[in-house]
C-alpha atoms as a PDB file:
ATOM      1  CA  UNK A   1      81.883 -21.835 -13.918  1.00  0.00           C
ATOM      2  CA  UNK A   2      83.594 -18.867 -12.294  1.00  0.00           C
ATOM      3  CA  UNK A   3      82.498 -16.818  -9.347  1.00  0.00           C
ATOM      4  CA  UNK A   4      83.608 -13.453  -8.024  1.00  0.00           C
ATOM      5  CA  UNK A   5      85.101 -13.778  -4.590  1.00  0.00           C
ATOM      6  CA  UNK A   6      85.784 -11.293  -1.820  1.00  0.00           C
ATOM      7  CA  UNK A   7      89.291 -12.789  -1.765  1.00  0.00           C
ATOM      8  CA  UNK A   8      90.772 -12.223  -5.256  1.00  0.00           C
ATOM      9  CA  UNK A   9      93.672 -14.492  -6.097  1.00  0.00           C
ATOM     10  CA  UNK A  10      92.959 -16.935  -3.260  1.00  0.00           C
ATOM     11  CA  UNK A  11      91.091 -20.192  -3.158  1.00  0.00           C
ATOM     12  CA  UNK A  12      87.734 -19.585  -1.525  1.00  0.00           C
ATOM     13  CA  UNK A  13      84.972 -21.467   0.269  1.00  0.00           C
ATOM     14  CA  UNK A  14      81.453 -20.638   1.402  1.00  0.00           C
ATOM     15  CA  UNK A  15      80.583 -22.141   4.797  1.00  0.00           C
ATOM     16  CA  UNK A  16      77.314 -22.359   6.734  1.00  0.00           C
ATOM     17  CA  UNK A  17      77.584 -23.080  10.440  1.00  0.00           C
ATOM     18  CA  UNK A  18      74.756 -25.329  11.595  1.00  0.00           C
ATOM     19  CA  UNK A  19      76.328 -27.082  14.536  1.00  0.00           C
ATOM     20  CA  UNK A  20      74.348 -28.862  17.245  1.00  0.00           C
ATOM     21  CA  UNK A  21      74.682 -28.798  20.132  1.00  0.00           C
ATOM     22  CA  UNK A  22      75.452 -25.106  19.926  1.00  0.00           C
ATOM     23  CA  UNK A  23      78.237 -25.158  22.550  1.00  0.00           C
ATOM     24  CA  UNK A  24      80.274 -27.103  19.966  1.00  0.00           C
ATOM     25  CA  UNK A  25      80.229 -24.072  17.646  1.00  0.00           C
ATOM     26  CA  UNK A  26      83.381 -22.456  19.043  1.00  0.00           C
ATOM     27  CA  UNK A  27      85.313 -25.736  18.793  1.00  0.00           C
ATOM     28  CA  UNK A  28      84.113 -26.238  15.200  1.00  0.00           C
ATOM     29  CA  UNK A  29      84.877 -22.630  14.214  1.00  0.00           C
ATOM     30  CA  UNK A  30      88.403 -22.928  15.600  1.00  0.00           C
ATOM     31  CA  UNK A  31      88.986 -26.211  13.762  1.00  0.00           C
ATOM     32  CA  UNK A  32      87.612 -24.786  10.496  1.00  0.00           C
ATOM     33  CA  UNK A  33      89.700 -21.618  10.716  1.00  0.00           C
ATOM     34  CA  UNK A  34      92.853 -23.567  11.533  1.00  0.00           C
ATOM     35  CA  UNK A  35      92.274 -25.976   8.632  1.00  0.00           C
ATOM     36  CA  UNK A  36      91.452 -23.207   6.169  1.00  0.00           C
ATOM     37  CA  UNK A  37      94.588 -21.353   7.223  1.00  0.00           C
ATOM     38  CA  UNK A  38      96.775 -24.413   6.645  1.00  0.00           C
ATOM     39  CA  UNK A  39      95.290 -24.766   3.162  1.00  0.00           C
ATOM     40  CA  UNK A  40      95.472 -21.061   2.328  1.00  0.00           C
ATOM     41  CA  UNK A  41      91.726 -20.848   1.750  1.00  0.00           C
ATOM     42  CA  UNK A  42      89.691 -17.731   2.522  1.00  0.00           C
ATOM     43  CA  UNK A  43      86.065 -18.388   3.405  1.00  0.00           C
ATOM     44  CA  UNK A  44      82.757 -16.632   3.672  1.00  0.00           C
ATOM     45  CA  UNK A  45      80.879 -17.907   6.731  1.00  0.00           C
ATOM     46  CA  UNK A  46      77.101 -17.691   7.007  1.00  0.00           C
ATOM     47  CA  UNK A  47      76.221 -17.456  10.689  1.00  0.00           C
ATOM     48  CA  UNK A  48      72.595 -17.208  11.825  1.00  0.00           C
ATOM     49  CA  UNK A  49      71.849 -14.087  13.856  1.00  0.00           C
ATOM     50  CA  UNK A  50      70.916 -16.004  17.001  1.00  0.00           C
ATOM     51  CA  UNK A  51      74.175 -17.963  16.805  1.00  0.00           C
ATOM     52  CA  UNK A  52      76.187 -14.761  16.255  1.00  0.00           C
ATOM     53  CA  UNK A  53      74.568 -13.177  19.309  1.00  0.00           C
ATOM     54  CA  UNK A  54      75.167 -16.252  21.450  1.00  0.00           C
ATOM     55  CA  UNK A  55      78.795 -16.721  20.308  1.00  0.00           C
ATOM     56  CA  UNK A  56      80.299 -13.299  19.520  1.00  0.00           C
ATOM     57  CA  UNK A  57      83.841 -14.564  20.184  1.00  0.00           C
ATOM     58  CA  UNK A  58      83.476 -17.132  17.390  1.00  0.00           C
ATOM     59  CA  UNK A  59      82.294 -14.437  14.961  1.00  0.00           C
ATOM     60  CA  UNK A  60      85.206 -12.193  15.988  1.00  0.00           C
ATOM     61  CA  UNK A  61      87.679 -15.041  15.430  1.00  0.00           C
ATOM     62  CA  UNK A  62      86.303 -15.594  11.926  1.00  0.00           C
ATOM     63  CA  UNK A  63      86.710 -11.915  11.047  1.00  0.00           C
ATOM     64  CA  UNK A  64      90.118 -11.563  12.715  1.00  0.00           C
ATOM     65  CA  UNK A  65      91.383 -14.539  10.688  1.00  0.00           C
ATOM     66  CA  UNK A  66      90.553 -12.566   7.533  1.00  0.00           C
ATOM     67  CA  UNK A  67      87.371 -14.351   6.541  1.00  0.00           C
ATOM     68  CA  UNK A  68      84.035 -12.761   5.604  1.00  0.00           C
ATOM     69  CA  UNK A  69      81.004 -13.160   7.878  1.00  0.00           C
END
């Protein structure tokens, strides 16, 4: 099975953030981005609107690292 990706030529992952308690989100985002970077994997992150509003810095970090949100 093949799938089009927003990151042609790179390995890709789709990630949903459902982290509780929510204050752990930034720590988990940072760990995920660091690990994906080491592996050369671009990801598409699904982030619920309420989480994005509560943690805009985490969403910015995802985008600045070259991932899709």
